[in-house]
All heavy atoms as atom14 arrays in JSON, in Angstrom:
{
  "sequence": "SPVHGRGVFALRTLREGELLVEYKGKRMGWR",
  "atom14_mask": [
    [1, 1, 1, 1, 1, 1, 0, 0, 0, 0, 0, 0, 0, 0],
    [1, 1, 1, 1, 1, 1, 1, 0, 0, 0, 0, 0, 0, 0],
    [1, 1, 1, 1, 1, 1, 1, 0, 0, 0, 0, 0, 0, 0],
    [1, 1, 1, 1, 1, 1, 1, 1, 1, 1, 0, 0, 0, 0],
    [1, 1, 1, 1, 0, 0, 0, 0, 0, 0, 0, 0, 0, 0],
    [1, 1, 1, 1, 1, 1, 1, 1, 1, 1, 1, 0, 0, 0],
    [1, 1, 1, 1, 0, 0, 0, 0, 0, 0, 0, 0, 0, 0],
    [1, 1, 1, 1, 1, 1, 1, 0, 0, 0, 0, 0, 0, 0],
    [1, 1, 1, 1, 1, 1, 1, 1, 1, 1, 1, 0, 0, 0],
    [1, 1, 1, 1, 1, 0, 0, 0, 0, 0, 0, 0, 0, 0],
    [1, 1, 1, 1, 1, 1, 1, 1, 0, 0, 0, 0, 0, 0],
    [1, 1, 1, 1, 1, 1, 1, 1, 1, 1, 1, 0, 0, 0],
    [1, 1, 1, 1, 1, 1, 1, 0, 0, 0, 0, 0, 0, 0],
    [1, 1, 1, 1, 1, 1, 1, 1, 0, 0, 0, 0, 0, 0],
    [1, 1, 1, 1, 1, 1, 1, 1, 1, 1, 1, 0, 0, 0],
    [1, 1, 1, 1, 1, 1, 1, 1, 1, 0, 0, 0, 0, 0],
    [1, 1, 1, 1, 0, 0, 0, 0, 0, 0, 0, 0, 0, 0],
    [1, 1, 1, 1, 1, 1, 1, 1, 1, 0, 0, 0, 0, 0],
    [1, 1, 1, 1, 1, 1, 1, 1, 0, 0, 0, 0, 0, 0],
    [1, 1, 1, 1, 1, 1, 1, 1, 0, 0, 0, 0, 0, 0],
    [1, 1, 1, 1, 1, 1, 1, 0, 0, 0, 0, 0, 0, 0],
    [1, 1, 1, 1, 1, 1, 1, 1, 1, 0, 0, 0, 0, 0],
    [1, 1, 1, 1, 1, 1, 1, 1, 1, 1, 1, 1, 0, 0],
    [1, 1, 1, 1, 1, 1, 1, 1, 1, 0, 0, 0, 0, 0],
    [1, 1, 1, 1, 0, 0, 0, 0, 0, 0, 0, 0, 0, 0],
    [1, 1, 1, 1, 1, 1, 1, 1, 1, 0, 0, 0, 0, 0],
    [1, 1, 1, 1, 1, 1, 1, 1, 1, 1, 1, 0, 0, 0],
    [1, 1, 1, 1, 1, 1, 1, 1, 0, 0, 0, 0, 0, 0],
    [1, 1, 1, 1, 0, 0, 0, 0, 0, 0, 0, 0, 0, 0],
    [1, 1, 1, 1, 1, 1, 1, 1, 1, 1, 1, 1, 1, 1],
    [1, 1, 1, 1, 1, 1, 1, 1, 1, 1, 1, 0, 0, 0]
  ],
  "atom14_positions": [
    [[132.89, -18.7, -106.67], [131.95, -19.62, -106.29], [130.61, -19.39, -106.98], [130.21, -18.24, -107.22], [131.7, -19.42, -104.8], [130.56, -20.0, -104.28], [0.0, 0.0, 0.0], [0.0, 0.0, 0.0], [0.0, 0.0, 0.0], [0.0, 0.0, 0.0], [0.0, 0.0, 0.0], [0.0, 0.0, 0.0], [0.0, 0.0, 0.0], [0.0, 0.0, 0.0]],
    [[129.9, -20.5, -107.22], [128.52, -20.32, -107.83], [127.66, -19.83, -106.9], [126.49, -19.33, -107.23], [128.19, -21.7, -108.42], [129.11, -22.56, -107.61], [130.34, -21.82, -107.19], [0.0, 0.0, 0.0], [0.0, 0.0, 0.0], [0.0, 0.0, 0.0], [0.0, 0.0, 0.0], [0.0, 0.0, 0.0], [0.0, 0.0, 0.0], [0.0, 0.0, 0.0]],
    [[127.87, -19.94, -105.54], [126.9, -19.57, -104.58], [127.04, -18.04, -104.28], [126.15, -17.3, -104.17], [127.27, -20.35, -103.21], [126.39, -19.83, -102.0], [126.95, -21.75, -103.52], [0.0, 0.0, 0.0], [0.0, 0.0, 0.0], [0.0, 0.0, 0.0], [0.0, 0.0, 0.0], [0.0, 0.0, 0.0], [0.0, 0.0, 0.0], [0.0, 0.0, 0.0]],
    [[128.32, -17.55, -104.03], [128.55, -16.08, -103.78], [130.0, -15.71, -103.89], [130.89, -16.31, -103.16], [128.07, -15.81, -102.39], [128.1, -14.34, -102.07], [129.14, -13.89, -101.24], [127.43, -13.31, -102.29], [129.02, -12.56, -100.95], [127.91, -12.1, -101.72], [0.0, 0.0, 0.0], [0.0, 0.0, 0.0], [0.0, 0.0, 0.0], [0.0, 0.0, 0.0]],
    [[130.33, -14.81, -104.72], [131.75, -14.27, -104.74], [132.77, -15.28, -104.9], [132.76, -16.2, -105.77], [0.0, 0.0, 0.0], [0.0, 0.0, 0.0], [0.0, 0.0, 0.0], [0.0, 0.0, 0.0], [0.0, 0.0, 0.0], [0.0, 0.0, 0.0], [0.0, 0.0, 0.0], [0.0, 0.0, 0.0], [0.0, 0.0, 0.0], [0.0, 0.0, 0.0]],
    [[133.69, -15.33, -103.96], [134.74, -16.25, -103.86], [134.26, -17.42, -102.93], [133.55, -17.16, -101.98], [136.08, -15.68, -103.34], [136.69, -14.77, -104.29], [138.01, -14.24, -103.78], [138.65, -13.27, -104.71], [139.6, -12.6, -104.37], [140.25, -12.63, -103.26], [140.07, -11.78, -105.39], [0.0, 0.0, 0.0], [0.0, 0.0, 0.0], [0.0, 0.0, 0.0]],
    [[134.97, -18.61, -102.97], [134.6, -19.65, -102.19], [135.93, -20.49, -102.01], [136.88, -20.27, -102.63], [0.0, 0.0, 0.0], [0.0, 0.0, 0.0], [0.0, 0.0, 0.0], [0.0, 0.0, 0.0], [0.0, 0.0, 0.0], [0.0, 0.0, 0.0], [0.0, 0.0, 0.0], [0.0, 0.0, 0.0], [0.0, 0.0, 0.0], [0.0, 0.0, 0.0]],
    [[135.8, -21.49, -101.11], [136.99, -22.41, -100.85], [136.51, -23.74, -101.29], [135.46, -24.26, -100.92], [137.31, -22.34, -99.28], [138.43, -23.27, -99.05], [137.56, -20.96, -98.84], [0.0, 0.0, 0.0], [0.0, 0.0, 0.0], [0.0, 0.0, 0.0], [0.0, 0.0, 0.0], [0.0, 0.0, 0.0], [0.0, 0.0, 0.0], [0.0, 0.0, 0.0]],
    [[137.36, -24.44, -102.08], [137.06, -25.72, -102.72], [138.11, -26.73, -102.31], [139.34, -26.45, -102.34], [137.03, -25.48, -104.25], [135.85, -24.61, -104.6], [135.96, -23.2, -104.63], [134.62, -25.15, -105.07], [135.0, -22.42, -105.04], [133.62, -24.43, -105.49], [133.74, -23.09, -105.36], [0.0, 0.0, 0.0], [0.0, 0.0, 0.0], [0.0, 0.0, 0.0]],
    [[137.62, -27.96, -102.12], [138.65, -29.09, -101.73], [139.34, -29.56, -102.93], [138.72, -29.67, -104.16], [137.66, -30.26, -101.17], [0.0, 0.0, 0.0], [0.0, 0.0, 0.0], [0.0, 0.0, 0.0], [0.0, 0.0, 0.0], [0.0, 0.0, 0.0], [0.0, 0.0, 0.0], [0.0, 0.0, 0.0], [0.0, 0.0, 0.0], [0.0, 0.0, 0.0]],
    [[140.54, -29.61, -102.79], [141.5, -30.08, -103.89], [141.69, -31.66, -103.78], [142.26, -32.29, -104.75], [142.8, -29.37, -103.94], [142.74, -27.89, -104.13], [144.18, -27.28, -104.0], [142.2, -27.56, -105.49], [0.0, 0.0, 0.0], [0.0, 0.0, 0.0], [0.0, 0.0, 0.0], [0.0, 0.0, 0.0], [0.0, 0.0, 0.0], [0.0, 0.0, 0.0]],
    [[141.35, -32.1, -102.69], [141.28, -33.62, -102.46], [140.26, -33.96, -101.44], [139.65, -33.14, -101.01], [142.8, -34.06, -101.94], [143.07, -33.59, -100.55], [144.21, -34.36, -99.89], [144.65, -33.9, -98.54], [144.03, -34.19, -97.41], [142.83, -34.75, -97.39], [144.55, -33.74, -96.36], [0.0, 0.0, 0.0], [0.0, 0.0, 0.0], [0.0, 0.0, 0.0]],
    [[140.06, -35.35, -101.32], [138.99, -35.7, -100.31], [139.44, -35.34, -98.92], [140.57, -35.46, -98.56], [138.81, -37.17, -100.47], [138.4, -37.6, -101.68], [137.8, -37.81, -99.36], [0.0, 0.0, 0.0], [0.0, 0.0, 0.0], [0.0, 0.0, 0.0], [0.0, 0.0, 0.0], [0.0, 0.0, 0.0], [0.0, 0.0, 0.0], [0.0, 0.0, 0.0]],
    [[138.56, -34.76, -98.14], [138.84, -34.28, -96.79], [138.02, -35.18, -95.95], [136.77, -35.47, -96.27], [138.47, -32.76, -96.52], [139.05, -31.8, -97.57], [138.45, -30.54, -97.42], [140.57, -31.75, -97.32], [0.0, 0.0, 0.0], [0.0, 0.0, 0.0], [0.0, 0.0, 0.0], [0.0, 0.0, 0.0], [0.0, 0.0, 0.0], [0.0, 0.0, 0.0]],
    [[138.5, -35.71, -94.94], [137.91, -36.66, -94.02], [137.11, -35.87, -92.87], [137.61, -34.92, -92.29], [138.74, -37.68, -93.41], [139.39, -38.6, -94.46], [138.43, -39.48, -95.06], [138.9, -40.11, -96.3], [138.19, -40.53, -97.32], [136.82, -40.4, -97.33], [138.74, -41.19, -98.18], [0.0, 0.0, 0.0], [0.0, 0.0, 0.0], [0.0, 0.0, 0.0]],
    [[136.01, -36.45, -92.48], [135.26, -35.98, -91.31], [136.28, -35.73, -90.14], [136.95, -36.72, -89.79], [134.09, -36.9, -90.93], [133.26, -36.32, -89.83], [132.06, -37.36, -89.47], [131.76, -38.21, -90.22], [131.45, -37.01, -88.5], [0.0, 0.0, 0.0], [0.0, 0.0, 0.0], [0.0, 0.0, 0.0], [0.0, 0.0, 0.0], [0.0, 0.0, 0.0]],
    [[136.08, -34.56, -89.41], [136.95, -34.32, -88.28], [138.24, -33.76, -88.68], [139.0, -33.3, -87.69], [0.0, 0.0, 0.0], [0.0, 0.0, 0.0], [0.0, 0.0, 0.0], [0.0, 0.0, 0.0], [0.0, 0.0, 0.0], [0.0, 0.0, 0.0], [0.0, 0.0, 0.0], [0.0, 0.0, 0.0], [0.0, 0.0, 0.0], [0.0, 0.0, 0.0]],
    [[138.59, -33.79, -89.91], [139.96, -33.25, -90.4], [140.07, -31.75, -90.07], [139.26, -30.97, -90.58], [140.25, -33.51, -91.76], [141.67, -33.15, -92.25], [141.85, -33.59, -93.69], [141.19, -34.47, -94.31], [142.82, -33.02, -94.32], [0.0, 0.0, 0.0], [0.0, 0.0, 0.0], [0.0, 0.0, 0.0], [0.0, 0.0, 0.0], [0.0, 0.0, 0.0]],
    [[141.07, -31.3, -89.45], [141.38, -29.89, -89.17], [141.85, -29.29, -90.39], [142.8, -29.68, -90.92], [142.31, -29.76, -88.03], [142.65, -28.25, -87.62], [141.45, -27.62, -87.0], [143.76, -28.34, -86.46], [0.0, 0.0, 0.0], [0.0, 0.0, 0.0], [0.0, 0.0, 0.0], [0.0, 0.0, 0.0], [0.0, 0.0, 0.0], [0.0, 0.0, 0.0]],
    [[141.25, -28.25, -90.83], [141.42, -27.66, -92.09], [142.24, -26.4, -92.05], [143.26, -26.19, -92.73], [140.13, -27.25, -92.93], [139.36, -28.54, -93.16], [138.02, -28.17, -93.76], [140.1, -29.68, -93.94], [0.0, 0.0, 0.0], [0.0, 0.0, 0.0], [0.0, 0.0, 0.0], [0.0, 0.0, 0.0], [0.0, 0.0, 0.0], [0.0, 0.0, 0.0]],
    [[141.87, -25.45, -91.17], [142.5, -24.1, -91.04], [142.12, -23.33, -89.8], [140.96, -23.55, -89.32], [142.09, -23.3, -92.36], [140.67, -22.93, -92.52], [142.93, -22.14, -92.62], [0.0, 0.0, 0.0], [0.0, 0.0, 0.0], [0.0, 0.0, 0.0], [0.0, 0.0, 0.0], [0.0, 0.0, 0.0], [0.0, 0.0, 0.0], [0.0, 0.0, 0.0]],
    [[142.96, -22.5, -89.52], [142.52, -21.49, -88.43], [142.01, -20.26, -89.01], [142.49, -19.82, -89.96], [143.75, -21.29, -87.51], [143.48, -20.18, -86.38], [144.59, -19.76, -85.5], [145.67, -20.32, -85.76], [144.36, -18.86, -84.64], [0.0, 0.0, 0.0], [0.0, 0.0, 0.0], [0.0, 0.0, 0.0], [0.0, 0.0, 0.0], [0.0, 0.0, 0.0]],
    [[140.91, -19.74, -88.45], [140.3, -18.43, -89.0], [141.17, -17.32, -88.41], [141.24, -17.12, -87.18], [138.8, -18.27, -88.58], [138.19, -17.19, -89.28], [137.41, -17.45, -90.51], [138.18, -15.85, -88.83], [136.88, -16.38, -91.14], [137.7, -14.89, -89.6], [136.97, -15.1, -90.78], [136.32, -14.09, -91.46], [0.0, 0.0, 0.0], [0.0, 0.0, 0.0]],
    [[141.87, -16.56, -89.3], [142.74, -15.61, -88.91], [142.21, -14.1, -89.18], [141.43, -13.97, -90.19], [144.16, -15.73, -89.5], [144.81, -17.1, -89.21], [145.97, -16.84, -88.59], [146.73, -18.06, -88.27], [148.0, -17.9, -87.63], [0.0, 0.0, 0.0], [0.0, 0.0, 0.0], [0.0, 0.0, 0.0], [0.0, 0.0, 0.0], [0.0, 0.0, 0.0]],
    [[142.81, -13.17, -88.51], [142.41, -11.8, -88.74], [142.76, -10.97, -87.53], [143.17, -11.53, -86.47], [0.0, 0.0, 0.0], [0.0, 0.0, 0.0], [0.0, 0.0, 0.0], [0.0, 0.0, 0.0], [0.0, 0.0, 0.0], [0.0, 0.0, 0.0], [0.0, 0.0, 0.0], [0.0, 0.0, 0.0], [0.0, 0.0, 0.0], [0.0, 0.0, 0.0]],
    [[142.48, -9.63, -87.67], [142.68, -8.76, -86.49], [141.62, -8.94, -85.51], [140.43, -9.1, -85.88], [142.69, -7.21, -87.1], [143.06, -6.26, -85.96], [143.06, -4.9, -86.62], [143.33, -3.9, -85.5], [143.48, -2.56, -86.12], [0.0, 0.0, 0.0], [0.0, 0.0, 0.0], [0.0, 0.0, 0.0], [0.0, 0.0, 0.0], [0.0, 0.0, 0.0]],
    [[142.1, -8.98, -84.28], [141.07, -9.06, -83.21], [140.69, -7.79, -82.57], [141.63, -6.88, -82.33], [141.56, -9.97, -82.08], [141.9, -11.43, -82.6], [142.79, -12.16, -81.6], [142.98, -13.45, -82.2], [142.26, -14.54, -81.88], [141.25, -14.43, -80.92], [142.53, -15.65, -82.37], [0.0, 0.0, 0.0], [0.0, 0.0, 0.0], [0.0, 0.0, 0.0]],
    [[139.45, -7.53, -82.36], [139.06, -6.29, -81.78], [137.61, -6.45, -81.17], [136.94, -7.51, -81.36], [139.03, -5.1, -82.91], [138.09, -5.52, -83.99], [138.1, -4.35, -85.38], [139.51, -5.03, -86.31], [0.0, 0.0, 0.0], [0.0, 0.0, 0.0], [0.0, 0.0, 0.0], [0.0, 0.0, 0.0], [0.0, 0.0, 0.0], [0.0, 0.0, 0.0]],
    [[137.12, -5.35, -80.5], [135.78, -5.3, -80.06], [134.8, -5.06, -81.24], [135.09, -4.46, -82.19], [0.0, 0.0, 0.0], [0.0, 0.0, 0.0], [0.0, 0.0, 0.0], [0.0, 0.0, 0.0], [0.0, 0.0, 0.0], [0.0, 0.0, 0.0], [0.0, 0.0, 0.0], [0.0, 0.0, 0.0], [0.0, 0.0, 0.0], [0.0, 0.0, 0.0]],
    [[133.6, -5.53, -80.93], [132.57, -5.47, -82.06], [132.35, -3.84, -82.39], [132.27, -3.6, -83.61], [131.22, -6.0, -81.55], [131.07, -7.37, -81.75], [131.24, -8.37, -80.9], [130.88, -8.01, -83.04], [131.1, -9.63, -81.48], [130.88, -9.47, -82.81], [130.69, -7.6, -84.33], [130.62, -10.34, -83.78], [130.53, -8.49, -85.37], [130.46, -9.83, -85.07]],
    [[132.28, -3.12, -81.47], [132.08, -1.62, -81.63], [133.21, -1.17, -82.62], [132.96, -0.44, -83.62], [132.15, -0.7, -80.33], [131.68, 0.66, -80.61], [131.69, 1.27, -79.15], [131.03, 0.41, -78.13], [130.12, 0.74, -77.37], [129.72, 1.96, -77.32], [129.57, -0.09, -76.4], [0.0, 0.0, 0.0], [0.0, 0.0, 0.0], [0.0, 0.0, 0.0]]
  ]
}
């Protein structure tokens, strides 16, 4: 990314309201 490190880029036109992805990862408490 020219903004910071890696980035995510559209490979085709995406429409307003289009569901793109679920944010995944390990769930835990902030501490």
